[in-house]
């Protein structure tokens, strides 16, 4: 599957800046079952881009084996603009990329 959008009202950032990535998102990022991974997190066009393809010049963030990710301050600020901190996920398997879009 190339692209998929997940609109689930339970997808939410915690007050501390932790997002939990669901199984479909972890699969799109290329994570293996029960293994932690490193990803890059950037903010682009009012969405948070999480990329499983690591580049040498970008800072990486750790995703736990259960899918918990502590996001950076810029991404946390973007999700905090909305009172409830909810987001949708747009997945791209070919790019190994997930986009979190606040709503």
N, C-alpha and C. Protein backbone atom coordinates (compact mmCIF):
# COMPACT_ATOMS: atom_id res chain seq x y z
N UNK A 1 0.85 -1.17 0.00
CA UNK A 1 0.00 0.00 0.00
C UNK A 1 0.90 1.24 0.00
N UNK A 2 0.58 2.17 -0.86
CA UNK A 2 1.43 3.35 -0.98
C UNK A 2 1.14 4.39 0.08
N UNK A 3 -0.06 4.95 0.07
CA UNK A 3 -0.40 6.02 1.02
C UNK A 3 -1.68 5.67 1.75
N UNK A 4 -1.74 6.09 3.01
CA UNK A 4 -2.92 5.84 3.82
C UNK A 4 -3.07 6.99 4.81
N UNK A 5 -4.30 7.40 5.05
CA UNK A 5 -4.59 8.42 6.05
C UNK A 5 -5.40 7.79 7.17
N UNK A 6 -4.97 8.00 8.40
CA UNK A 6 -5.67 7.45 9.56
C UNK A 6 -6.27 8.62 10.33
N UNK A 7 -7.59 8.65 10.38
CA UNK A 7 -8.30 9.69 11.12
C UNK A 7 -8.99 9.02 12.30
N UNK A 8 -8.31 9.02 13.42
CA UNK A 8 -8.78 8.37 14.63
C UNK A 8 -8.79 9.41 15.73
N UNK A 9 -9.92 9.60 16.37
CA UNK A 9 -10.04 10.66 17.38
C UNK A 9 -9.26 10.36 18.65
N UNK A 10 -8.71 9.15 18.78
CA UNK A 10 -7.93 8.82 19.97
C UNK A 10 -6.45 9.15 19.80
N UNK A 11 -6.00 9.54 18.61
CA UNK A 11 -4.60 9.90 18.41
C UNK A 11 -4.38 11.28 19.03
N UNK A 12 -3.54 11.32 20.06
CA UNK A 12 -3.39 12.54 20.85
C UNK A 12 -1.99 12.60 21.45
N UNK A 13 -1.46 13.81 21.57
CA UNK A 13 -0.17 14.01 22.23
C UNK A 13 -0.42 14.17 23.73
N UNK A 14 0.43 13.58 24.55
CA UNK A 14 0.32 13.76 26.00
C UNK A 14 0.78 15.17 26.37
N UNK A 15 0.44 15.66 27.55
CA UNK A 15 0.90 16.99 27.96
C UNK A 15 2.42 17.13 27.99
N UNK A 16 3.12 16.02 28.17
CA UNK A 16 4.58 16.05 28.22
C UNK A 16 5.25 15.99 26.87
N UNK A 17 4.49 15.89 25.79
CA UNK A 17 5.06 15.86 24.45
C UNK A 17 5.35 14.47 23.92
N UNK A 18 4.65 13.46 24.43
CA UNK A 18 4.84 12.09 23.97
C UNK A 18 3.68 11.71 23.06
N UNK A 19 4.00 11.20 21.87
CA UNK A 19 2.98 10.66 20.98
C UNK A 19 3.21 9.15 20.90
N UNK A 20 2.13 8.40 20.80
CA UNK A 20 2.23 6.96 20.64
C UNK A 20 1.86 6.63 19.20
N UNK A 21 2.80 6.03 18.48
CA UNK A 21 2.59 5.68 17.09
C UNK A 21 1.88 4.33 17.02
N UNK A 22 0.80 4.27 16.26
CA UNK A 22 0.08 3.01 16.14
C UNK A 22 0.86 2.02 15.26
N UNK A 23 0.37 0.80 15.18
CA UNK A 23 1.08 -0.27 14.47
C UNK A 23 1.26 0.07 12.99
N UNK A 24 0.25 0.63 12.35
CA UNK A 24 0.37 0.98 10.93
C UNK A 24 1.46 2.02 10.71
N UNK A 25 1.57 2.97 11.61
CA UNK A 25 2.61 4.01 11.49
C UNK A 25 3.99 3.41 11.68
N UNK A 26 4.14 2.55 12.68
CA UNK A 26 5.44 1.91 12.91
C UNK A 26 5.84 1.05 11.73
N UNK A 27 4.88 0.38 11.11
CA UNK A 27 5.17 -0.45 9.94
C UNK A 27 5.59 0.43 8.76
N UNK A 28 4.92 1.55 8.57
CA UNK A 28 5.26 2.46 7.47
C UNK A 28 6.67 3.04 7.65
N UNK A 29 7.10 3.24 8.89
CA UNK A 29 8.43 3.78 9.16
C UNK A 29 9.52 2.71 9.05
N UNK A 30 9.12 1.46 8.86
CA UNK A 30 10.09 0.39 8.70
C UNK A 30 10.57 -0.21 10.01
N UNK A 31 9.82 0.00 11.08
CA UNK A 31 10.22 -0.57 12.37
C UNK A 31 9.95 -2.07 12.40
N UNK A 32 10.78 -2.80 13.12
CA UNK A 32 10.59 -4.23 13.30
C UNK A 32 9.82 -4.47 14.60
N UNK A 33 9.13 -5.60 14.67
CA UNK A 33 8.30 -5.93 15.82
C UNK A 33 9.16 -6.06 17.08
N UNK A 34 8.70 -5.43 18.15
CA UNK A 34 9.36 -5.47 19.47
C UNK A 34 10.80 -4.99 19.47
N UNK A 35 11.13 -4.05 18.59
CA UNK A 35 12.46 -3.45 18.57
C UNK A 35 12.33 -1.93 18.50
N UNK A 36 13.10 -1.20 19.29
CA UNK A 36 13.09 0.26 19.19
C UNK A 36 13.76 0.71 17.90
N UNK A 37 13.54 1.95 17.52
CA UNK A 37 14.13 2.48 16.29
C UNK A 37 14.43 3.96 16.47
N UNK A 38 15.25 4.49 15.58
CA UNK A 38 15.54 5.92 15.54
C UNK A 38 14.90 6.51 14.29
N UNK A 39 14.33 7.70 14.44
CA UNK A 39 13.68 8.40 13.32
C UNK A 39 14.09 9.86 13.36
N UNK A 40 13.86 10.55 12.26
CA UNK A 40 14.06 12.00 12.25
C UNK A 40 12.69 12.67 12.34
N UNK A 41 12.64 13.79 13.04
CA UNK A 41 11.39 14.52 13.24
C UNK A 41 11.61 15.96 12.80
N UNK A 42 10.79 16.43 11.85
CA UNK A 42 10.87 17.81 11.39
C UNK A 42 9.45 18.38 11.30
N UNK A 43 9.36 19.70 11.26
CA UNK A 43 8.07 20.38 11.08
C UNK A 43 8.09 21.02 9.70
N UNK A 44 7.04 20.72 8.91
CA UNK A 44 6.99 21.21 7.53
C UNK A 44 5.54 21.48 7.15
N UNK A 45 5.24 22.67 6.69
CA UNK A 45 3.89 23.03 6.21
C UNK A 45 2.79 22.65 7.19
N UNK A 46 2.90 23.08 8.43
CA UNK A 46 1.88 22.87 9.45
C UNK A 46 1.63 21.39 9.74
N UNK A 47 2.63 20.54 9.58
CA UNK A 47 2.53 19.14 9.97
C UNK A 47 3.89 18.65 10.45
N UNK A 48 3.88 17.59 11.22
CA UNK A 48 5.10 17.00 11.75
C UNK A 48 5.46 15.82 10.87
N UNK A 49 6.67 15.82 10.33
CA UNK A 49 7.12 14.75 9.45
C UNK A 49 8.08 13.85 10.22
N UNK A 50 7.71 12.57 10.32
CA UNK A 50 8.56 11.57 10.96
C UNK A 50 9.07 10.66 9.85
N UNK A 51 10.39 10.55 9.74
CA UNK A 51 10.98 9.80 8.64
C UNK A 51 11.85 8.67 9.17
N UNK A 52 11.65 7.47 8.62
CA UNK A 52 12.43 6.31 9.01
C UNK A 52 13.74 6.20 8.27
N UNK A 53 13.91 6.96 7.19
CA UNK A 53 15.17 6.98 6.45
C UNK A 53 16.09 7.99 7.13
N UNK A 54 17.11 7.51 7.78
CA UNK A 54 17.98 8.39 8.55
C UNK A 54 19.07 8.97 7.68
N UNK A 55 19.32 10.26 7.87
CA UNK A 55 20.40 10.96 7.18
C UNK A 55 21.43 11.37 8.22
N UNK A 56 22.68 11.43 7.80
CA UNK A 56 23.78 11.69 8.74
C UNK A 56 23.69 13.07 9.38
N UNK A 57 23.16 14.06 8.66
CA UNK A 57 23.18 15.43 9.18
C UNK A 57 21.97 15.78 10.05
N UNK A 58 21.00 14.89 10.18
CA UNK A 58 19.80 15.19 10.97
C UNK A 58 19.87 14.53 12.34
N UNK A 59 19.30 15.21 13.32
CA UNK A 59 19.22 14.66 14.67
C UNK A 59 18.17 13.56 14.67
N UNK A 60 18.43 12.49 15.40
CA UNK A 60 17.48 11.38 15.46
C UNK A 60 16.78 11.35 16.81
N UNK A 61 15.60 10.77 16.80
CA UNK A 61 14.78 10.62 17.99
C UNK A 61 14.46 9.14 18.14
N UNK A 62 14.42 8.66 19.37
CA UNK A 62 14.19 7.25 19.63
C UNK A 62 12.70 6.96 19.76
N UNK A 63 12.26 5.90 19.08
CA UNK A 63 10.90 5.39 19.23
C UNK A 63 11.02 4.09 20.01
N UNK A 64 10.30 3.97 21.11
CA UNK A 64 10.36 2.75 21.91
C UNK A 64 9.70 1.60 21.17
N UNK A 65 9.90 0.38 21.66
CA UNK A 65 9.32 -0.77 20.98
C UNK A 65 7.80 -0.77 21.05
N UNK A 66 7.22 -0.01 21.99
CA UNK A 66 5.77 0.11 22.06
C UNK A 66 5.25 1.30 21.26
N UNK A 67 6.15 2.04 20.59
CA UNK A 67 5.74 3.12 19.71
C UNK A 67 5.70 4.50 20.33
N UNK A 68 6.24 4.67 21.52
CA UNK A 68 6.21 5.99 22.15
C UNK A 68 7.40 6.82 21.68
N UNK A 69 7.10 8.06 21.32
CA UNK A 69 8.09 8.98 20.78
C UNK A 69 7.96 10.32 21.49
N UNK A 70 9.05 10.81 22.05
CA UNK A 70 9.08 12.16 22.64
C UNK A 70 9.48 13.11 21.52
N UNK A 71 8.60 14.04 21.18
CA UNK A 71 8.87 14.93 20.04
C UNK A 71 9.60 16.18 20.50
N UNK A 72 10.20 16.86 19.54
CA UNK A 72 10.99 18.06 19.86
C UNK A 72 10.07 19.25 20.18
N UNK A 73 10.66 20.33 20.66
CA UNK A 73 9.89 21.50 21.13
C UNK A 73 9.07 22.14 20.01
N UNK A 74 9.63 22.22 18.81
CA UNK A 74 8.91 22.84 17.69
C UNK A 74 7.67 22.02 17.33
N UNK A 75 7.80 20.71 17.30
CA UNK A 75 6.67 19.83 16.98
C UNK A 75 5.64 19.86 18.11
N UNK A 76 6.11 19.89 19.33
CA UNK A 76 5.21 19.95 20.48
C UNK A 76 4.40 21.25 20.46
N UNK A 77 5.03 22.33 20.10
CA UNK A 77 4.34 23.62 20.01
C UNK A 77 3.25 23.59 18.95
N UNK A 78 3.53 22.93 17.82
CA UNK A 78 2.54 22.83 16.74
C UNK A 78 1.31 22.06 17.20
N UNK A 79 1.50 20.92 17.87
CA UNK A 79 0.36 20.14 18.34
C UNK A 79 -0.35 20.81 19.52
N UNK A 80 0.36 21.64 20.27
CA UNK A 80 -0.24 22.31 21.43
C UNK A 80 -1.11 23.50 21.04
N UNK A 81 -1.06 23.93 19.79
CA UNK A 81 -1.92 25.04 19.34
C UNK A 81 -3.39 24.69 19.50
N UNK A 82 -3.71 23.41 19.28
CA UNK A 82 -5.08 22.95 19.46
C UNK A 82 -5.26 22.57 20.93
N UNK A 83 -6.38 22.92 21.49
CA UNK A 83 -6.64 22.68 22.91
C UNK A 83 -6.54 21.20 23.29
N UNK A 84 -6.99 20.32 22.41
CA UNK A 84 -7.05 18.90 22.75
C UNK A 84 -5.84 18.09 22.27
N UNK A 85 -4.95 18.67 21.48
CA UNK A 85 -3.70 18.06 21.02
C UNK A 85 -3.91 16.82 20.16
N UNK A 86 -5.03 16.77 19.41
CA UNK A 86 -5.30 15.63 18.53
C UNK A 86 -4.60 15.81 17.19
N UNK A 87 -4.36 14.69 16.50
CA UNK A 87 -3.73 14.74 15.18
C UNK A 87 -4.21 13.57 14.32
N UNK A 88 -4.11 13.76 13.00
CA UNK A 88 -4.33 12.70 12.04
C UNK A 88 -2.99 12.23 11.55
N UNK A 89 -2.94 11.03 11.01
CA UNK A 89 -1.68 10.49 10.50
C UNK A 89 -1.84 10.18 9.02
N UNK A 90 -0.89 10.65 8.22
CA UNK A 90 -0.83 10.31 6.80
C UNK A 90 0.45 9.51 6.58
N UNK A 91 0.32 8.30 6.08
CA UNK A 91 1.46 7.39 5.94
C UNK A 91 1.86 7.22 4.49
N UNK A 92 3.15 7.09 4.26
CA UNK A 92 3.69 6.81 2.93
C UNK A 92 4.74 5.71 3.08
N UNK A 93 4.35 4.48 2.69
CA UNK A 93 5.25 3.33 2.84
C UNK A 93 6.49 3.45 1.97
N UNK A 94 6.34 3.98 0.76
CA UNK A 94 7.48 4.06 -0.17
C UNK A 94 8.56 5.00 0.35
N UNK A 95 8.17 6.10 0.97
CA UNK A 95 9.14 7.06 1.51
C UNK A 95 9.54 6.73 2.95
N UNK A 96 8.89 5.74 3.57
CA UNK A 96 9.07 5.42 4.99
C UNK A 96 8.85 6.69 5.82
N UNK A 97 7.67 7.28 5.62
CA UNK A 97 7.37 8.58 6.21
C UNK A 97 5.97 8.59 6.80
N UNK A 98 5.82 9.30 7.92
CA UNK A 98 4.52 9.54 8.54
C UNK A 98 4.39 11.03 8.80
N UNK A 99 3.23 11.58 8.50
CA UNK A 99 2.96 13.00 8.75
C UNK A 99 1.84 13.09 9.77
N UNK A 100 2.12 13.81 10.87
CA UNK A 100 1.11 14.06 11.89
C UNK A 100 0.54 15.44 11.65
N UNK A 101 -0.77 15.49 11.38
CA UNK A 101 -1.42 16.76 11.06
C UNK A 101 -2.42 17.12 12.15
N UNK A 102 -2.18 18.21 12.87
CA UNK A 102 -3.10 18.59 13.95
C UNK A 102 -4.47 19.00 13.41
N UNK A 103 -5.49 18.71 14.20
CA UNK A 103 -6.84 19.17 13.85
C UNK A 103 -7.57 19.64 15.08
